[in-house]
Amino acid sequence: MSVRIECRDWVMSIVFDRPDKKNAITAAMYQSIADALGAAAGSRDVRAVLLRGNAECFTAGNDLEDFLKNPPHAEDTPVFRFLQALTTFEKPLLAAPCGVAVGVGVTMLLHCDLVYAGDNARLSLPFVQLGLCPEAASSLLLPALAGHQRATEKLLLGEPFGADEARELRLVNRVLPAAEAIGFAHAQAARIAALPPQAVRTTKRLLRQAWRDPIAQQMNAENAAFRQLLTSPEAREAFTAFLEKRKPDFSRFA
């Protein structure tokens, strides 16, 4: 199973469950997550959603082999459906990243209302290293949280950083022992789910309202640039090098 859905205490947990591949996300998984968010949005029995992997791994981001077989060349592809569902979700959205969190495994946190990280979390944003550009409006939201210079450092260099630095960058609310983070995040989600649901949704809407149009505009710009770069010679070299387990050579590109 690649995505597992668990529901209790008015909380839906969307669990990345592909441990042999570090929970790397395939097109089918993106569709499953988007469908789960859609179901949660329309369910009276779900008042909050928690995104999580396990105590050792959140997600390694896109499954690159699947990504090359199913490149997102259109707006209605699963990855863009997932991003749309993520950014328009009206109920509280929480995440508990532990261990590896790469690419979309980091950018999805920007759309969560509360994030509780394990102390073993290791995050990175290697879009440029893959010949691509940021997605999920991260080129807008990360500078807003961390400042231009810090966001530029993370998005251009793509170097891994730990949970404490993620908290300093305002990506996470709290850092906890890895064995406790998921349980704590679920307990927080259950606390929110016990509150008056209409008041909770209204508060989230008001908190997010000023960002709604800028996020949509930035995502449209990022998506167009991402699809263009995906077919570039630089991206082909980056993906080929990754699959061949060698260092990419960008010296011939201008």
C-alpha atoms as a PDB file:
ATOM      1  CA  MET A   1       0.000   0.000   0.000  1.00  0.00           C
ATOM      2  CA  SER A   2       1.349   3.441  -0.926  1.00  0.00           C
ATOM      3  CA  VAL A   3      -1.136   5.758   0.793  1.00  0.00           C
ATOM      4  CA  ARG A   4      -3.049   4.675   3.866  1.00  0.00           C
ATOM      5  CA  ILE A   5      -6.058   6.496   5.299  1.00  0.00           C
ATOM      6  CA  GLU A   6      -6.848   6.346   9.000  1.00  0.00           C
ATOM      7  CA  CYS A   7      -9.773   8.093  10.685  1.00  0.00           C
ATOM      8  CA  ARG A   8     -10.342   8.554  14.415  1.00  0.00           C
ATOM      9  CA  ASP A   9     -11.232  11.373  16.790  1.00  0.00           C
ATOM     10  CA  TRP A  10     -12.655  13.413  13.844  1.00  0.00           C
ATOM     11  CA  VAL A  11      -9.143  13.386  12.334  1.00  0.00           C
ATOM     12  CA  MET A  12      -8.201  11.882   8.978  1.00  0.00           C
ATOM     13  CA  SER A  13      -4.551  10.816   8.778  1.00  0.00           C
ATOM     14  CA  ILE A  14      -3.157  10.574   5.259  1.00  0.00           C
ATOM     15  CA  VAL A  15      -0.178   8.275   5.684  1.00  0.00           C
ATOM     16  CA  PHE A  16       2.632   7.972   3.126  1.00  0.00           C
ATOM     17  CA  ASP A  17       3.229   4.232   3.292  1.00  0.00           C
ATOM     18  CA  ARG A  18       5.965   3.175   0.899  1.00  0.00           C
ATOM     19  CA  PRO A  19       8.915   2.620   3.249  1.00  0.00           C
ATOM     20  CA  ASP A  20      11.000   0.614   0.764  1.00  0.00           C
ATOM     21  CA  LYS A  21      11.175   3.755  -1.433  1.00  0.00           C
ATOM     22  CA  LYS A  22      11.418   6.276   1.428  1.00  0.00           C
ATOM     23  CA  ASN A  23       7.757   7.101   0.823  1.00  0.00           C
ATOM     24  CA  ALA A  24       8.590   8.636  -2.585  1.00  0.00           C
ATOM     25  CA  ILE A  25       5.356   9.836  -4.186  1.00  0.00           C
ATOM     26  CA  THR A  26       4.134   8.442  -7.507  1.00  0.00           C
ATOM     27  CA  ALA A  27       1.444   9.895  -9.765  1.00  0.00           C
ATOM     28  CA  ALA A  28      -1.019   7.338  -8.407  1.00  0.00           C
ATOM     29  CA  MET A  29      -0.180   8.403  -4.859  1.00  0.00           C
ATOM     30  CA  TYR A  30      -0.704  12.079  -5.702  1.00  0.00           C
ATOM     31  CA  GLN A  31      -4.133  11.184  -7.028  1.00  0.00           C
ATOM     32  CA  SER A  32      -4.942   9.175  -3.885  1.00  0.00           C
ATOM     33  CA  ILE A  33      -3.917  12.086  -1.644  1.00  0.00           C
ATOM     34  CA  ALA A  34      -5.932  14.564  -3.707  1.00  0.00           C
ATOM     35  CA  ASP A  35      -8.959  12.251  -3.539  1.00  0.00           C
ATOM     36  CA  ALA A  36      -8.536  11.868   0.226  1.00  0.00           C
ATOM     37  CA  LEU A  37      -8.400  15.636   0.720  1.00  0.00           C
ATOM     38  CA  GLY A  38     -11.507  15.994  -1.427  1.00  0.00           C
ATOM     39  CA  ALA A  39     -13.308  13.361   0.636  1.00  0.00           C
ATOM     40  CA  ALA A  40     -12.202  15.013   3.878  1.00  0.00           C
ATOM     41  CA  ALA A  41     -13.416  18.400   2.673  1.00  0.00           C
ATOM     42  CA  GLY A  42     -16.913  17.035   2.115  1.00  0.00           C
ATOM     43  CA  SER A  43     -17.182  14.793   5.168  1.00  0.00           C
ATOM     44  CA  ARG A  44     -19.009  15.820   8.336  1.00  0.00           C
ATOM     45  CA  ASP A  45     -16.962  13.173  10.162  1.00  0.00           C
ATOM     46  CA  VAL A  46     -13.596  14.799   9.377  1.00  0.00           C
ATOM     47  CA  ARG A  47     -12.711  18.069  11.080  1.00  0.00           C
ATOM     48  CA  ALA A  48      -8.924  18.036  10.616  1.00  0.00           C
ATOM     49  CA  VAL A  49      -6.362  16.241   8.466  1.00  0.00           C
ATOM     50  CA  LEU A  50      -2.866  15.073   9.400  1.00  0.00           C
ATOM     51  CA  LEU A  51      -0.197  14.370   6.756  1.00  0.00           C
ATOM     52  CA  ARG A  52       2.468  11.952   7.923  1.00  0.00           C
ATOM     53  CA  GLY A  53       4.870   9.179   7.073  1.00  0.00           C
ATOM     54  CA  ASN A  54       6.475   7.166   9.846  1.00  0.00           C
ATOM     55  CA  ALA A  55       8.973   7.992  12.592  1.00  0.00           C
ATOM     56  CA  GLU A  56      11.927   7.407  10.234  1.00  0.00           C
ATOM     57  CA  CYS A  57      10.705   9.026   7.006  1.00  0.00           C
ATOM     58  CA  PHE A  58       8.156  11.621   5.905  1.00  0.00           C
ATOM     59  CA  THR A  59       8.645  11.479   2.125  1.00  0.00           C
ATOM     60  CA  ALA A  60      11.591  11.609  -0.276  1.00  0.00           C
ATOM     61  CA  GLY A  61       9.443  13.709  -2.624  1.00  0.00           C
ATOM     62  CA  ASN A  62       8.726  12.729  -6.206  1.00  0.00           C
ATOM     63  CA  ASP A  63       9.522   9.210  -7.301  1.00  0.00           C
ATOM     64  CA  LEU A  64      11.851  10.253 -10.114  1.00  0.00           C
ATOM     65  CA  GLU A  65      11.481   7.078 -12.165  1.00  0.00           C
ATOM     66  CA  ASP A  66       7.697   7.377 -12.080  1.00  0.00           C
ATOM     67  CA  PHE A  67       8.027  11.119 -12.658  1.00  0.00           C
ATOM     68  CA  LEU A  68       9.925  10.511 -15.897  1.00  0.00           C
ATOM     69  CA  LYS A  69       7.351   7.956 -17.048  1.00  0.00           C
ATOM     70  CA  ASN A  70       4.424  10.218 -16.152  1.00  0.00           C
ATOM     71  CA  PRO A  71       5.664  13.813 -16.516  1.00  0.00           C
ATOM     72  CA  PRO A  72       3.122  16.480 -15.508  1.00  0.00           C
ATOM     73  CA  HIS A  73       2.644  18.248 -18.837  1.00  0.00           C
ATOM     74  CA  ALA A  74      -0.922  19.414 -18.144  1.00  0.00           C
ATOM     75  CA  GLU A  75      -2.782  21.180 -15.333  1.00  0.00           C
ATOM     76  CA  ASP A  76      -5.075  18.185 -14.727  1.00  0.00           C
ATOM     77  CA  THR A  77      -2.265  15.727 -13.941  1.00  0.00           C
ATOM     78  CA  PRO A  78      -2.264  14.132 -10.459  1.00  0.00           C
ATOM     79  CA  VAL A  79       0.517  16.263  -8.976  1.00  0.00           C
ATOM     80  CA  PHE A  80      -1.248  19.500  -9.903  1.00  0.00           C
ATOM     81  CA  ARG A  81      -4.576  18.115  -8.658  1.00  0.00           C
ATOM     82  CA  PHE A  82      -2.833  17.386  -5.358  1.00  0.00           C
ATOM     83  CA  LEU A  83      -1.375  20.897  -5.156  1.00  0.00           C
ATOM     84  CA  GLN A  84      -4.755  22.431  -5.927  1.00  0.00           C
ATOM     85  CA  ALA A  85      -6.454  20.309  -3.263  1.00  0.00           C
ATOM     86  CA  LEU A  86      -3.723  21.185  -0.768  1.00  0.00           C
ATOM     87  CA  THR A  87      -3.876  24.935  -1.287  1.00  0.00           C
ATOM     88  CA  THR A  88      -7.671  25.179  -1.238  1.00  0.00           C
ATOM     89  CA  PHE A  89      -8.368  22.829   1.685  1.00  0.00           C
ATOM     90  CA  GLU A  90     -10.631  24.681   4.118  1.00  0.00           C
ATOM     91  CA  LYS A  91     -10.269  22.537   7.241  1.00  0.00           C
ATOM     92  CA  PRO A  92      -7.234  22.496   9.573  1.00  0.00           C
ATOM     93  CA  LEU A  93      -4.275  20.748   7.967  1.00  0.00           C
ATOM     94  CA  LEU A  94      -1.404  19.448  10.080  1.00  0.00           C
ATOM     95  CA  ALA A  95       1.832  17.595   9.308  1.00  0.00           C
ATOM     96  CA  ALA A  96       4.328  15.553  11.298  1.00  0.00           C
ATOM     97  CA  PRO A  97       7.550  15.325   9.257  1.00  0.00           C
ATOM     98  CA  CYS A  98      10.112  12.900  10.687  1.00  0.00           C
ATOM     99  CA  GLY A  99      13.300  11.771   8.978  1.00  0.00           C
ATOM    100  CA  VAL A 100      13.653  12.496   5.269  1.00  0.00           C
ATOM    101  CA  ALA A 101      11.560  15.307   3.763  1.00  0.00           C
ATOM    102  CA  VAL A 102      12.582  16.265   0.225  1.00  0.00           C
ATOM    103  CA  GLY A 103      11.125  18.627  -2.383  1.00  0.00           C
ATOM    104  CA  VAL A 104       7.350  18.485  -2.223  1.00  0.00           C
ATOM    105  CA  GLY A 105       7.811  16.871   1.192  1.00  0.00           C
ATOM    106  CA  VAL A 106       8.951  20.313   2.325  1.00  0.00           C
ATOM    107  CA  THR A 107       6.823  22.596   0.163  1.00  0.00           C
ATOM    108  CA  MET A 108       3.587  20.942   1.301  1.00  0.00           C
ATOM    109  CA  LEU A 109       4.451  22.051   4.847  1.00  0.00           C
ATOM    110  CA  LEU A 110       4.043  25.668   3.718  1.00  0.00           C
ATOM    111  CA  HIS A 111       0.317  24.995   3.271  1.00  0.00           C
ATOM    112  CA  CYS A 112      -0.174  23.296   6.629  1.00  0.00           C
ATOM    113  CA  ASP A 113      -1.633  25.214   9.542  1.00  0.00           C
ATOM    114  CA  LEU A 114       0.441  23.426  12.173  1.00  0.00           C
ATOM    115  CA  VAL A 115       3.648  21.398  11.715  1.00  0.00           C
ATOM    116  CA  TYR A 116       5.281  19.258  14.410  1.00  0.00           C
ATOM    117  CA  ALA A 117       8.638  17.822  13.353  1.00  0.00           C
ATOM    118  CA  GLY A 118      10.635  14.940  14.727  1.00  0.00           C
ATOM    119  CA  ASP A 119      14.132  15.848  15.904  1.00  0.00           C
ATOM    120  CA  ASN A 120      15.489  13.520  13.210  1.00  0.00           C
ATOM    121  CA  ALA A 121      13.872  15.492  10.368  1.00  0.00           C
ATOM    122  CA  ARG A 122      16.208  16.243   7.485  1.00  0.00           C
ATOM    123  CA  LEU A 123      14.722  18.601   4.918  1.00  0.00           C
ATOM    124  CA  SER A 124      15.928  19.697   1.478  1.00  0.00           C
ATOM    125  CA  LEU A 125      14.658  21.519  -1.607  1.00  0.00           C
ATOM    126  CA  PRO A 126      16.803  20.214  -4.512  1.00  0.00           C
ATOM    127  CA  PHE A 127      14.712  21.614  -7.373  1.00  0.00           C
ATOM    128  CA  VAL A 128      17.540  23.532  -9.049  1.00  0.00           C
ATOM    129  CA  GLN A 129      19.882  20.535  -8.698  1.00  0.00           C
ATOM    130  CA  LEU A 130      17.348  18.599 -10.799  1.00  0.00           C
ATOM    131  CA  GLY A 131      17.188  21.317 -13.459  1.00  0.00           C
ATOM    132  CA  LEU A 132      13.770  22.438 -12.219  1.00  0.00           C
ATOM    133  CA  CYS A 133      12.259  25.348 -10.267  1.00  0.00           C
ATOM    134  CA  PRO A 134      10.267  25.606  -7.023  1.00  0.00           C
ATOM    135  CA  GLU A 135       6.610  24.569  -6.882  1.00  0.00           C
ATOM    136  CA  ALA A 136       3.595  24.808  -4.560  1.00  0.00           C
ATOM    137  CA  ALA A 137       4.068  28.604  -4.344  1.00  0.00           C
ATOM    138  CA  SER A 138       7.227  27.999  -2.315  1.00  0.00           C
ATOM    139  CA  SER A 139       8.990  30.835  -4.160  1.00  0.00           C
ATOM    140  CA  LEU A 140       6.408  33.129  -2.555  1.00  0.00           C
ATOM    141  CA  LEU A 141       5.746  31.513   0.817  1.00  0.00           C
ATOM    142  CA  LEU A 142       9.265  30.549   1.881  1.00  0.00           C
ATOM    143  CA  PRO A 143      10.670  34.095   1.528  1.00  0.00           C
ATOM    144  CA  ALA A 144       7.618  35.374   3.427  1.00  0.00           C
ATOM    145  CA  LEU A 145       8.459  33.050   6.322  1.00  0.00           C
ATOM    146  CA  ALA A 146      12.249  32.950   6.289  1.00  0.00           C
ATOM    147  CA  GLY A 147      13.290  36.125   4.464  1.00  0.00           C
ATOM    148  CA  HIS A 148      14.677  36.483   0.957  1.00  0.00           C
ATOM    149  CA  GLN A 149      18.296  35.516   1.650  1.00  0.00           C
ATOM    150  CA  ARG A 150      17.513  32.411   3.690  1.00  0.00           C
ATOM    151  CA  ALA A 151      14.896  31.269   1.173  1.00  0.00           C
ATOM    152  CA  THR A 152      17.319  31.845  -1.701  1.00  0.00           C
ATOM    153  CA  GLU A 153      19.947  29.765   0.072  1.00  0.00           C
ATOM    154  CA  LYS A 154      17.563  26.854   0.522  1.00  0.00           C
ATOM    155  CA  LEU A 155      16.014  27.014  -2.961  1.00  0.00           C
ATOM    156  CA  LEU A 156      19.221  27.584  -4.951  1.00  0.00           C
ATOM    157  CA  LEU A 157      21.717  25.408  -3.086  1.00  0.00           C
ATOM    158  CA  GLY A 158      19.285  22.719  -1.982  1.00  0.00           C
ATOM    159  CA  GLU A 159      21.431  21.734   0.994  1.00  0.00           C
ATOM    160  CA  PRO A 160      19.778  19.586   3.680  1.00  0.00           C
ATOM    161  CA  PHE A 161      18.868  21.210   6.979  1.00  0.00           C
ATOM    162  CA  GLY A 162      17.606  19.866  10.262  1.00  0.00           C
ATOM    163  CA  ALA A 163      14.491  20.235  12.351  1.00  0.00           C
ATOM    164  CA  ASP A 164      15.880  22.990  14.591  1.00  0.00           C
ATOM    165  CA  GLU A 165      16.773  25.129  11.575  1.00  0.00           C
ATOM    166  CA  ALA A 166      13.350  24.410  10.072  1.00  0.00           C
ATOM    167  CA  ARG A 167      11.804  25.803  13.237  1.00  0.00           C
ATOM    168  CA  GLU A 168      14.079  28.832  13.038  1.00  0.00           C
ATOM    169  CA  LEU A 169      12.907  29.332   9.451  1.00  0.00           C
ATOM    170  CA  ARG A 170       9.298  29.156  10.731  1.00  0.00           C
ATOM    171  CA  LEU A 171       8.503  26.039   8.748  1.00  0.00           C
ATOM    172  CA  VAL A 172       7.585  24.088  11.896  1.00  0.00           C
ATOM    173  CA  ASN A 173       5.870  24.979  15.161  1.00  0.00           C
ATOM    174  CA  ARG A 174       7.711  22.605  17.447  1.00  0.00           C
ATOM    175  CA  VAL A 175      10.441  19.954  17.387  1.00  0.00           C
ATOM    176  CA  LEU A 176       9.857  16.765  19.365  1.00  0.00           C
ATOM    177  CA  PRO A 177      11.586  13.390  19.757  1.00  0.00           C
ATOM    178  CA  ALA A 178      10.911  11.421  16.589  1.00  0.00           C
ATOM    179  CA  ALA A 179       9.049   8.712  18.473  1.00  0.00           C
ATOM    180  CA  GLU A 180       6.625  11.302  19.863  1.00  0.00           C
ATOM    181  CA  ALA A 181       6.044  13.720  16.971  1.00  0.00           C
ATOM    182  CA  ILE A 182       3.285  11.842  15.135  1.00  0.00           C
ATOM    183  CA  GLY A 183       1.335  11.099  18.304  1.00  0.00           C
ATOM    184  CA  PHE A 184       1.642  14.695  19.454  1.00  0.00           C
ATOM    185  CA  ALA A 185       0.512  16.017  16.064  1.00  0.00           C
ATOM    186  CA  HIS A 186      -2.517  13.736  16.112  1.00  0.00           C
ATOM    187  CA  ALA A 187      -3.392  14.852  19.635  1.00  0.00           C
ATOM    188  CA  GLN A 188      -3.203  18.491  18.518  1.00  0.00           C
ATOM    189  CA  ALA A 189      -5.424  17.708  15.532  1.00  0.00           C
ATOM    190  CA  ALA A 190      -7.920  16.010  17.840  1.00  0.00           C
ATOM    191  CA  ARG A 191      -7.917  19.071  20.129  1.00  0.00           C
ATOM    192  CA  ILE A 192      -8.768  21.281  17.165  1.00  0.00           C
ATOM    193  CA  ALA A 193     -11.379  18.805  15.949  1.00  0.00           C
ATOM    194  CA  ALA A 194     -13.166  19.075  19.311  1.00  0.00           C
ATOM    195  CA  LEU A 195     -13.615  22.836  18.850  1.00  0.00           C
ATOM    196  CA  PRO A 196     -16.668  24.443  17.170  1.00  0.00           C
ATOM    197  CA  PRO A 197     -16.114  23.423  13.525  1.00  0.00           C
ATOM    198  CA  GLN A 198     -17.592  26.481  11.829  1.00  0.00           C
ATOM    199  CA  ALA A 199     -15.555  28.836  14.022  1.00  0.00           C
ATOM    200  CA  VAL A 200     -12.405  26.839  13.225  1.00  0.00           C
ATOM    201  CA  ARG A 201     -12.988  26.923   9.469  1.00  0.00           C
ATOM    202  CA  THR A 202     -13.843  30.615   9.525  1.00  0.00           C
ATOM    203  CA  THR A 203     -10.670  31.409  11.467  1.00  0.00           C
ATOM    204  CA  LYS A 204      -8.541  29.449   8.996  1.00  0.00           C
ATOM    205  CA  ARG A 205     -10.232  31.202   6.074  1.00  0.00           C
ATOM    206  CA  LEU A 206      -9.539  34.616   7.573  1.00  0.00           C
ATOM    207  CA  LEU A 207      -5.930  33.737   8.356  1.00  0.00           C
ATOM    208  CA  ARG A 208      -5.364  32.586   4.773  1.00  0.00           C
ATOM    209  CA  GLN A 209      -7.584  35.028   2.910  1.00  0.00           C
ATOM    210  CA  ALA A 210      -4.934  37.639   2.067  1.00  0.00           C
ATOM    211  CA  TRP A 211      -2.698  34.929   0.583  1.00  0.00           C
ATOM    212  CA  ARG A 212      -5.294  33.128  -1.519  1.00  0.00           C
ATOM    213  CA  ASP A 213      -4.940  35.092  -4.766  1.00  0.00           C
ATOM    214  CA  PRO A 214      -1.138  35.583  -4.549  1.00  0.00           C
ATOM    215  CA  ILE A 215      -0.679  31.843  -3.938  1.00  0.00           C
ATOM    216  CA  ALA A 216      -2.847  30.955  -6.936  1.00  0.00           C
ATOM    217  CA  GLN A 217      -0.993  33.414  -9.173  1.00  0.00           C
ATOM    218  CA  GLN A 218       2.436  32.215  -8.041  1.00  0.00           C
ATOM    219  CA  MET A 219       1.499  28.579  -8.470  1.00  0.00           C
ATOM    220  CA  ASN A 220       0.322  29.255 -12.022  1.00  0.00           C
ATOM    221  CA  ALA A 221       3.641  30.932 -12.829  1.00  0.00           C
ATOM    222  CA  GLU A 222       5.652  28.155 -11.161  1.00  0.00           C
ATOM    223  CA  ASN A 223       3.653  25.402 -12.876  1.00  0.00           C
ATOM    224  CA  ALA A 224       4.233  26.921 -16.312  1.00  0.00           C
ATOM    225  CA  ALA A 225       7.977  27.315 -15.667  1.00  0.00           C
ATOM    226  CA  PHE A 226       8.195  23.825 -14.137  1.00  0.00           C
ATOM    227  CA  ARG A 227       6.594  22.158 -17.158  1.00  0.00           C
ATOM    228  CA  GLN A 228       8.911  24.049 -19.499  1.00  0.00           C
ATOM    229  CA  LEU A 229      12.040  23.151 -17.537  1.00  0.00           C
ATOM    230  CA  LEU A 230      10.965  19.524 -17.257  1.00  0.00           C
ATOM    231  CA  THR A 231      11.784  18.945 -20.941  1.00  0.00           C
ATOM    232  CA  SER A 232      15.018  20.969 -20.889  1.00  0.00           C
ATOM    233  CA  PRO A 233      18.451  19.418 -21.584  1.00  0.00           C
ATOM    234  CA  GLU A 234      19.508  20.442 -18.064  1.00  0.00           C
ATOM    235  CA  ALA A 235      16.694  18.443 -16.484  1.00  0.00           C
ATOM    236  CA  ARG A 236      17.419  15.441 -18.721  1.00  0.00           C
ATOM    237  CA  GLU A 237      21.049  15.502 -17.590  1.00  0.00           C
ATOM    238  CA  ALA A 238      20.052  15.829 -13.933  1.00  0.00           C
ATOM    239  CA  PHE A 239      17.530  12.973 -14.060  1.00  0.00           C
ATOM    240  CA  THR A 240      19.828  10.722 -16.087  1.00  0.00           C
ATOM    241  CA  ALA A 241      22.680  11.320 -13.651  1.00  0.00           C
ATOM    242  CA  PHE A 242      20.411  10.516 -10.718  1.00  0.00           C
ATOM    243  CA  LEU A 243      19.260   7.239 -12.262  1.00  0.00           C
ATOM    244  CA  GLU A 244      22.842   6.357 -13.234  1.00  0.00           C
ATOM    245  CA  LYS A 245      24.030   7.271  -9.726  1.00  0.00           C
ATOM    246  CA  ARG A 246      26.627   9.745 -10.917  1.00  0.00           C
ATOM    247  CA  LYS A 247      27.296  13.452 -10.502  1.00  0.00           C
ATOM    248  CA  PRO A 248      25.541  15.547 -13.170  1.00  0.00           C
ATOM    249  CA  ASP A 249      27.621  17.670 -15.543  1.00  0.00           C
ATOM    250  CA  PHE A 250      26.119  21.073 -16.335  1.00  0.00           C
ATOM    251  CA  SER A 251      29.331  22.549 -17.784  1.00  0.00           C
ATOM    252  CA  ARG A 252      28.090  22.534 -21.387  1.00  0.00           C
ATOM    253  CA  PHE A 253      24.986  24.615 -20.672  1.00  0.00           C
ATOM    254  CA  ALA A 254      24.900  28.397 -21.034  1.00  0.00           C
END
